[in-house]
Amino acid sequence: MNRSPSNLAGDAYPANEGLIRVTVHLAERTYSILLPGTDPNFSETPGVLARLRNKGELAFIVCDEGAKAHIPGIETAFAEQGYQVKLWILPAGEAQKALSVAEILYEALLDLKADRKTLLVALGGGVVGDLTGFVAATYLRGLDFFMVPTTLLSMVDSSVGGKTGVNLTRGKNLIGCFHQPIGVWIDPTFLTTLPDRDFRSGLAEIVKYGMIMDAEFWDRLEKEADLLLAREPFILRRVIARCCQLKARVVSEDEHELTGLRAILNYGHTFGHAFETIAGYGKWLHGEAVAAGMHCAMRLAVKRGLMDQQALKRQEALLKKFGLPTEPDSSWSSEELIDLMRADKKAAAGKLRFILPTRIGHVQFVEGIEDAEVRAALGR
C-alpha cells in the first residue's frame, strides 16, 4: 500500500471549548463520537446519544473493576432515558478477552431475556470494549452497543472503528469481527484517576497517530509532551479529539480493511502483538508493547533505507519521554517471536509484512521482509 494518508488528516485541529463531535461516516451506520464541553448547562448524556439510535428497554452495562467509580453516573444516564439497567462487573485485565468470558456474558443475556433491541454498553478500557463489542456482534446475530471508554488508550483508539474480538492462547485478536457501535461517549475527566502506567500506555497510540498520518500533530506532541504528561485538560482533550478525527477518517474510507488503508493503524502492532503474547497477556500493557513495536518497526525502516537515523532518534526520545519501553525483553526467543508474527492477521501465507514509515506523517505496507531483517530490528 503506497497511498498517502496525509490526504486523510483533514479537519481543523479541534478547539477546546464546547462540545466536540467527531463523525464516523458509514452510510446508514454513521455514528458520533462526543466529547462533552465545559458548559455547566450542557444537557446531552451518553443515554441521550444512545436513545437516538436504540429503542430497546434493556441496557446491559459491562464494566471492569478499574472503571467502577464511573458506574453510578452512567447507570443514571441510561435509566433517565427509560432503560432498565443491568450491570455486569468483570475483573480487570487482558485475561477477560476470552471466548470463555464471552460465553458467560451470553448466559447472562439469556437469563435477562435479552432481545434484538437490547443495548450493550461497554464501560471501561480496551479489553471491555473489544469483548462487549464481540458479544454484541454475535448474540442473536447482532445487538446494538455503545462505548464509554475510561482509559486513554480506549479513548484514542480501541473505542473507535468497530473492531471487536477475543484472544487465543497463540495470538491476540484472532477471533473477532467488525461491528460498529451506535455511539461513543468520551469524557476526559475520567482520566484524572487513571493509574500512571495505564495513562502512559495510552500515549503510545497517540504517538502512533502522529507518525502514521499527521506530521503537524507529531510536532505538537514533541512540544507539548510535558503538558500531556501532566494531564493538562486543554491539551489532553484536544489530543484525544484529534486522534479520533484521524481514526474516523481512516475507518470511514476502509471500514473492513479491504483497500489496505486501514492497515496503517497497525504501525508497531505486528511486533507489539508478538511481545504481548510471548510475555503472557497482561504482563505488558498493549501500549507498552506497541511502543517497543514502533521502535523495532522504525529500526527496520532505517535498515531498509526508508527513514534516517534522526527520525529513529526523535521517535525514541518521545517514547522515552512518555516513560514507554523501546526494546523487547532480551530473554525472548527471536525465533518464537518471528513465528508469532507469521500468525499475525497482517501476514499473508505465512510471509511477514510490516507497516513502516517513509517520513513522519506517512507509512506504507512493506512485504518480503526476511527473518534476518526482523532479528536485526529486534536488536539481536
Protein backbone atom coordinates (compact mmCIF):
# COMPACT_ATOMS: atom_id res chain seq x y z
CA MET A 1 0.00 0.00 0.00
CA ASN A 2 1.52 3.30 -1.03
CA ARG A 3 -1.42 5.59 -0.57
CA SER A 4 -0.53 8.78 1.26
CA PRO A 5 -2.52 9.17 4.46
CA SER A 6 -1.54 12.84 4.60
CA ASN A 7 -4.61 13.50 2.47
CA LEU A 8 -6.69 11.96 5.23
CA ALA A 9 -5.55 14.26 8.01
CA GLY A 10 -8.28 16.76 7.15
CA ASP A 11 -10.43 18.58 9.70
CA ALA A 12 -9.40 21.57 11.74
CA TYR A 13 -7.38 20.81 14.85
CA PRO A 14 -10.13 20.65 17.50
CA ALA A 15 -10.77 23.61 19.75
CA ASN A 16 -11.20 23.04 23.45
CA GLU A 17 -14.36 25.00 24.19
CA GLY A 18 -17.79 23.42 23.99
CA LEU A 19 -18.89 20.08 22.65
CA ILE A 20 -16.55 18.30 20.22
CA ARG A 21 -18.31 15.98 17.81
CA VAL A 22 -16.42 13.62 15.51
CA THR A 23 -18.45 11.71 12.93
CA VAL A 24 -17.59 8.27 11.59
CA HIS A 25 -19.24 8.28 8.15
CA LEU A 26 -20.51 4.79 7.29
CA ALA A 27 -23.76 5.31 5.38
CA GLU A 28 -26.68 4.02 7.49
CA ARG A 29 -24.25 3.01 10.27
CA THR A 30 -22.81 6.51 10.66
CA TYR A 31 -22.30 7.39 14.31
CA SER A 32 -20.95 10.17 16.51
CA ILE A 33 -18.09 10.36 18.97
CA LEU A 34 -18.89 13.05 21.53
CA LEU A 35 -16.56 14.80 23.94
CA PRO A 36 -18.75 16.84 26.30
CA GLY A 37 -17.99 20.54 26.64
CA THR A 38 -17.18 22.58 29.70
CA ASP A 39 -20.54 24.36 29.71
CA PRO A 40 -22.26 23.54 33.05
CA ASN A 41 -25.64 23.72 31.30
CA PHE A 42 -24.68 21.05 28.80
CA SER A 43 -27.53 18.53 28.91
CA GLU A 44 -26.54 15.79 26.48
CA THR A 45 -25.56 12.48 28.11
CA PRO A 46 -24.47 9.08 26.84
CA GLY A 47 -28.05 7.91 27.44
CA VAL A 48 -29.42 10.68 25.24
CA LEU A 49 -26.94 9.85 22.47
CA ALA A 50 -27.77 6.13 22.66
CA ARG A 51 -31.53 6.75 22.60
CA LEU A 52 -31.26 8.42 19.23
CA ARG A 53 -30.36 5.05 17.70
CA ASN A 54 -31.74 2.39 20.06
CA LYS A 55 -35.38 1.93 21.12
CA GLY A 56 -34.94 -1.08 23.40
CA GLU A 57 -35.92 -1.46 27.04
CA LEU A 58 -32.81 -3.12 28.45
CA ALA A 59 -29.31 -1.64 28.75
CA PHE A 60 -26.75 -4.24 29.80
CA ILE A 61 -23.61 -2.48 31.06
CA VAL A 62 -20.37 -4.46 31.05
CA CYS A 63 -17.74 -2.84 33.25
CA ASP A 64 -14.34 -3.78 34.61
CA GLU A 65 -13.11 -3.32 38.16
CA GLY A 66 -10.98 -0.35 37.16
CA ALA A 67 -13.99 1.63 35.97
CA LYS A 68 -16.31 1.01 38.93
CA ALA A 69 -16.14 4.64 40.06
CA HIS A 70 -17.99 5.71 36.91
CA ILE A 71 -20.87 3.25 37.27
CA PRO A 72 -23.36 5.48 39.18
CA GLY A 73 -23.25 8.31 36.64
CA ILE A 74 -23.52 6.01 33.64
CA GLU A 75 -26.33 3.95 35.18
CA THR A 76 -28.26 7.16 35.84
CA ALA A 77 -27.67 8.47 32.33
CA PHE A 78 -29.29 5.38 30.80
CA ALA A 79 -32.03 4.98 33.41
CA GLU A 80 -33.13 8.58 32.76
CA GLN A 81 -33.80 7.55 29.16
CA GLY A 82 -36.17 4.80 30.22
CA TYR A 83 -33.77 1.88 30.11
CA GLN A 84 -33.94 -0.97 32.58
CA VAL A 85 -30.27 -1.05 33.55
CA LYS A 86 -28.43 -4.24 34.41
CA LEU A 87 -24.75 -4.37 35.31
CA TRP A 88 -22.01 -6.98 34.94
CA ILE A 89 -18.60 -6.28 36.50
CA LEU A 90 -15.54 -8.15 35.23
CA PRO A 91 -12.10 -8.42 36.79
CA ALA A 92 -9.57 -6.12 35.18
CA GLY A 93 -7.02 -7.48 32.73
CA GLU A 94 -6.38 -8.95 29.32
CA ALA A 95 -7.39 -12.42 30.51
CA GLN A 96 -11.04 -11.34 30.24
CA LYS A 97 -10.74 -11.12 26.44
CA ALA A 98 -11.55 -14.80 26.01
CA LEU A 99 -14.24 -16.99 24.48
CA SER A 100 -14.96 -18.44 27.92
CA VAL A 101 -15.82 -14.99 29.26
CA ALA A 102 -17.92 -14.21 26.20
CA GLU A 103 -19.92 -17.36 26.93
CA ILE A 104 -20.55 -16.14 30.49
CA LEU A 105 -21.98 -12.92 29.10
CA TYR A 106 -24.15 -14.83 26.60
CA GLU A 107 -25.62 -16.81 29.50
CA ALA A 108 -26.27 -13.60 31.45
CA LEU A 109 -28.12 -12.14 28.47
CA LEU A 110 -30.19 -15.30 28.21
CA ASP A 111 -31.11 -15.03 31.89
CA LEU A 112 -32.20 -11.42 31.33
CA LYS A 113 -34.31 -12.44 28.31
CA ALA A 114 -32.40 -10.02 26.13
CA ASP A 115 -33.94 -9.41 22.71
CA ARG A 116 -32.77 -7.93 19.42
CA LYS A 117 -33.36 -4.38 20.73
CA THR A 118 -31.26 -4.85 23.87
CA LEU A 119 -28.39 -2.38 24.14
CA LEU A 120 -24.96 -3.44 25.36
CA VAL A 121 -22.82 -0.72 26.93
CA ALA A 122 -19.04 -1.11 27.28
CA LEU A 123 -17.78 0.90 30.26
CA GLY A 124 -14.04 0.54 30.69
CA GLY A 125 -10.87 0.12 28.72
CA GLY A 126 -9.99 -1.67 25.52
CA VAL A 127 -10.48 -5.17 26.90
CA VAL A 128 -14.07 -4.44 27.93
CA GLY A 129 -14.76 -2.66 24.65
CA ASP A 130 -13.41 -5.47 22.46
CA LEU A 131 -15.17 -8.18 24.46
CA THR A 132 -18.51 -6.38 24.75
CA GLY A 133 -18.47 -5.47 21.08
CA PHE A 134 -17.79 -9.10 20.16
CA VAL A 135 -20.67 -10.33 22.33
CA ALA A 136 -22.95 -7.67 20.83
CA ALA A 137 -21.96 -8.68 17.31
CA THR A 138 -22.61 -12.39 17.85
CA TYR A 139 -25.52 -12.67 20.29
CA LEU A 140 -28.79 -13.10 18.36
CA ARG A 141 -26.70 -12.27 15.27
CA GLY A 142 -26.20 -8.70 16.34
CA LEU A 143 -27.20 -6.24 19.07
CA ASP A 144 -26.59 -2.51 19.33
CA PHE A 145 -23.73 -1.50 21.56
CA PHE A 146 -22.46 1.79 22.91
CA MET A 147 -18.94 2.71 24.02
CA VAL A 148 -18.00 4.66 27.15
CA PRO A 149 -14.20 4.37 27.25
CA THR A 150 -12.48 5.13 30.55
CA THR A 151 -8.78 4.73 29.69
CA LEU A 152 -6.65 6.91 27.45
CA LEU A 153 -5.86 4.04 25.09
CA SER A 154 -9.51 3.16 24.61
CA MET A 155 -10.46 6.82 24.13
CA VAL A 156 -7.96 7.47 21.36
CA ASP A 157 -8.03 4.12 19.62
CA SER A 158 -9.95 0.98 20.53
CA SER A 159 -13.37 2.59 21.08
CA VAL A 160 -13.43 3.89 17.51
CA GLY A 161 -13.76 1.77 14.39
CA GLY A 162 -15.79 -1.30 15.27
CA LYS A 163 -13.03 -3.88 15.68
CA THR A 164 -14.19 -6.44 18.21
CA GLY A 165 -12.62 -9.66 19.31
CA VAL A 166 -11.09 -12.02 21.81
CA ASN A 167 -7.67 -13.61 22.16
CA LEU A 168 -6.46 -17.15 21.72
CA THR A 169 -3.53 -18.54 23.67
CA ARG A 170 -1.46 -18.43 20.49
CA GLY A 171 -2.26 -14.87 19.47
CA LYS A 172 -4.14 -11.64 20.07
CA ASN A 173 -7.44 -10.77 18.43
CA LEU A 174 -7.51 -13.87 16.24
CA ILE A 175 -11.25 -14.33 16.83
CA GLY A 176 -13.44 -11.34 16.09
CA CYS A 177 -15.46 -9.30 13.63
CA PHE A 178 -16.28 -5.76 12.61
CA HIS A 179 -19.31 -4.41 14.46
CA GLN A 180 -19.71 -0.66 14.76
CA PRO A 181 -21.05 0.97 17.93
CA ILE A 182 -24.07 3.26 17.71
CA GLY A 183 -22.15 5.95 19.54
CA VAL A 184 -19.07 6.73 21.63
CA TRP A 185 -19.03 8.97 24.69
CA ILE A 186 -15.59 10.23 25.75
CA ASP A 187 -15.24 12.18 28.98
CA PRO A 188 -11.57 13.10 29.53
CA THR A 189 -12.25 13.90 33.21
CA PHE A 190 -12.42 10.12 33.72
CA LEU A 191 -8.64 10.14 33.24
CA THR A 192 -7.91 12.07 36.43
CA THR A 193 -7.96 8.80 38.40
CA LEU A 194 -6.35 6.58 35.75
CA PRO A 195 -3.17 4.91 37.07
CA ASP A 196 0.03 6.38 35.67
CA ARG A 197 1.12 3.19 33.91
CA ASP A 198 -2.21 2.90 32.10
CA PHE A 199 -2.09 6.57 31.12
CA ARG A 200 1.39 6.19 29.65
CA SER A 201 0.26 3.09 27.77
CA GLY A 202 -2.35 5.21 26.00
CA LEU A 203 0.29 7.74 24.98
CA ALA A 204 1.85 5.11 22.70
CA GLU A 205 -1.20 5.07 20.44
CA ILE A 206 -1.15 8.86 20.35
CA VAL A 207 2.46 8.80 19.17
CA LYS A 208 1.38 6.30 16.53
CA TYR A 209 -1.19 8.69 15.04
CA GLY A 210 1.37 11.43 14.60
CA MET A 211 3.83 9.11 12.91
CA ILE A 212 1.38 7.47 10.51
CA MET A 213 -0.82 10.39 9.47
CA ASP A 214 -0.10 13.87 10.76
CA ALA A 215 3.35 15.45 10.90
CA GLU A 216 1.95 18.66 12.37
CA PHE A 217 0.35 16.65 15.17
CA TRP A 218 3.67 14.90 15.75
CA ASP A 219 5.41 18.28 16.15
CA ARG A 220 2.76 19.33 18.65
CA LEU A 221 3.30 16.18 20.67
CA GLU A 222 7.02 16.87 20.93
CA LYS A 223 6.38 20.45 22.05
CA GLU A 224 3.54 19.67 24.44
CA ALA A 225 4.84 16.40 25.90
CA ASP A 226 5.25 17.78 29.43
CA LEU A 227 1.73 19.23 29.45
CA LEU A 228 0.31 15.98 28.15
CA LEU A 229 2.13 14.02 30.85
CA ALA A 230 0.70 16.42 33.42
CA ARG A 231 -2.79 15.65 32.01
CA GLU A 232 -3.39 19.35 31.36
CA PRO A 233 -7.12 19.39 30.46
CA PHE A 234 -6.90 21.73 27.47
CA ILE A 235 -4.10 19.73 25.82
CA LEU A 236 -5.49 16.31 26.74
CA ARG A 237 -8.96 17.00 25.40
CA ARG A 238 -7.86 18.22 22.00
CA VAL A 239 -5.24 15.49 21.62
CA ILE A 240 -7.91 12.84 22.23
CA ALA A 241 -10.24 14.55 19.77
CA ARG A 242 -7.51 14.77 17.13
CA CYS A 243 -6.78 11.05 17.38
CA CYS A 244 -10.49 10.33 16.99
CA GLN A 245 -10.66 12.58 13.92
CA LEU A 246 -7.76 10.77 12.29
CA LYS A 247 -9.04 7.29 13.02
CA ALA A 248 -12.60 8.19 11.99
CA ARG A 249 -11.33 9.37 8.62
CA VAL A 250 -9.47 6.10 8.00
CA VAL A 251 -12.36 3.92 9.17
CA SER A 252 -14.83 5.84 7.02
CA GLU A 253 -12.76 5.08 3.94
CA ASP A 254 -11.74 1.49 4.70
CA GLU A 255 -14.03 0.01 7.34
CA HIS A 256 -13.18 -3.65 6.75
CA GLU A 257 -9.52 -3.34 5.70
CA LEU A 258 -10.37 -4.11 2.09
CA THR A 259 -8.21 -1.46 0.42
CA GLY A 260 -5.22 -1.71 2.75
CA LEU A 261 -5.65 1.85 4.01
CA ARG A 262 -6.85 0.85 7.47
CA ALA A 263 -3.73 -1.27 7.90
CA ILE A 264 -1.73 1.90 8.60
CA LEU A 265 -3.34 1.90 12.05
CA ASN A 266 -1.31 -1.22 12.83
CA TYR A 267 2.05 0.54 12.86
CA GLY A 268 4.12 -1.17 15.56
CA HIS A 269 1.45 -3.79 16.19
CA THR A 270 2.97 -6.77 14.36
CA PHE A 271 5.95 -6.62 16.70
CA GLY A 272 3.80 -5.45 19.61
CA HIS A 273 1.25 -8.25 19.49
CA ALA A 274 4.08 -10.79 19.45
CA PHE A 275 5.60 -9.12 22.53
CA GLU A 276 2.27 -9.25 24.39
CA THR A 277 1.78 -12.91 23.53
CA ILE A 278 5.24 -14.13 24.43
CA ALA A 279 5.26 -12.18 27.69
CA GLY A 280 1.90 -13.61 28.70
CA TYR A 281 -1.24 -11.50 28.37
CA GLY A 282 -1.29 -8.68 30.87
CA LYS A 283 2.45 -8.69 31.67
CA TRP A 284 2.99 -5.90 29.15
CA LEU A 285 0.20 -3.43 28.61
CA HIS A 286 -0.89 -3.03 25.00
CA GLY A 287 0.59 0.45 24.65
CA GLU A 288 3.90 -0.68 26.13
CA ALA A 289 4.15 -3.48 23.59
CA VAL A 290 3.17 -1.14 20.75
CA ALA A 291 5.79 1.41 21.83
CA ALA A 292 8.56 -1.18 21.65
CA GLY A 293 6.99 -2.44 18.42
CA MET A 294 7.14 1.01 16.85
CA HIS A 295 10.80 1.33 17.77
CA CYS A 296 11.55 -2.02 16.13
CA ALA A 297 9.49 -1.06 13.06
CA MET A 298 11.35 2.25 12.78
CA ARG A 299 14.67 0.44 13.10
CA LEU A 300 13.57 -1.87 10.28
CA ALA A 301 12.61 1.16 8.18
CA VAL A 302 16.04 2.71 8.76
CA LYS A 303 17.83 -0.50 7.80
CA ARG A 304 15.76 -0.59 4.61
CA GLY A 305 16.67 3.00 3.77
CA LEU A 306 13.11 4.29 4.18
CA MET A 307 13.90 6.55 7.14
CA ASP A 308 17.02 8.14 8.60
CA GLN A 309 18.67 7.90 12.00
CA GLN A 310 17.31 11.30 13.01
CA ALA A 311 13.73 10.07 12.73
CA LEU A 312 14.64 7.00 14.78
CA LYS A 313 16.14 9.19 17.49
CA ARG A 314 13.13 11.55 17.52
CA GLN A 315 10.66 8.71 17.94
CA GLU A 316 12.81 7.00 20.58
CA ALA A 317 13.14 10.25 22.52
CA LEU A 318 9.40 10.87 22.54
CA LEU A 319 8.58 7.32 23.63
CA LYS A 320 11.15 7.52 26.43
CA LYS A 321 9.81 10.94 27.44
CA PHE A 322 6.46 9.24 27.93
CA GLY A 323 8.08 6.52 30.03
CA LEU A 324 7.47 3.77 27.47
CA PRO A 325 9.74 0.81 26.62
CA THR A 326 11.59 0.77 23.32
CA GLU A 327 13.13 -2.71 23.39
CA PRO A 328 11.71 -6.21 23.81
CA ASP A 329 12.94 -8.40 26.64
CA SER A 330 16.31 -9.85 25.65
CA SER A 331 15.29 -13.26 27.02
CA TRP A 332 12.52 -13.68 24.45
CA SER A 333 13.40 -16.06 21.64
CA SER A 334 13.77 -14.35 18.28
CA GLU A 335 12.52 -17.45 16.50
CA GLU A 336 9.44 -17.69 18.69
CA LEU A 337 8.70 -14.01 18.12
CA ILE A 338 9.02 -14.46 14.36
CA ASP A 339 6.69 -17.46 14.45
CA LEU A 340 4.13 -15.37 16.33
CA MET A 341 4.43 -12.62 13.74
CA ARG A 342 3.76 -15.13 10.98
CA ALA A 343 0.43 -15.89 12.69
CA ASP A 344 -0.45 -12.21 12.78
CA LYS A 345 -3.53 -11.12 10.81
CA LYS A 346 -1.39 -8.88 8.60
CA ALA A 347 0.79 -11.77 7.46
CA ALA A 348 -0.02 -13.35 4.09
CA ALA A 349 0.51 -17.09 3.60
CA GLY A 350 3.00 -17.00 6.47
CA LYS A 351 5.03 -14.22 4.83
CA LEU A 352 5.95 -11.28 7.03
CA ARG A 353 4.58 -7.85 6.18
CA PHE A 354 5.04 -4.66 8.16
CA ILE A 355 3.71 -1.12 8.24
CA LEU A 356 6.83 1.04 8.01
CA PRO A 357 7.28 4.83 7.99
CA THR A 358 8.75 6.60 5.00
CA ARG A 359 8.56 10.03 6.60
CA ILE A 360 6.97 11.45 9.72
CA GLY A 361 3.27 11.53 8.90
CA HIS A 362 3.37 8.75 6.30
CA VAL A 363 3.66 4.96 6.36
CA GLN A 364 3.23 2.12 3.88
CA PHE A 365 2.94 -1.67 3.72
CA VAL A 366 6.27 -3.38 3.05
CA GLU A 367 6.36 -7.05 2.05
CA GLY A 368 9.11 -9.57 1.53
CA ILE A 369 10.81 -8.98 4.86
CA GLU A 370 13.42 -11.64 5.63
CA ASP A 371 13.82 -13.24 9.05
CA ALA A 372 17.33 -11.82 9.37
CA GLU A 373 15.94 -8.32 8.94
CA VAL A 374 13.41 -8.93 11.69
CA ARG A 375 16.11 -10.21 14.04
CA ALA A 376 18.14 -7.07 13.36
CA ALA A 377 15.09 -4.91 14.03
CA LEU A 378 14.67 -6.73 17.34
CA GLY A 379 18.20 -5.63 18.21
CA ARG A 380 19.58 -9.17 18.05
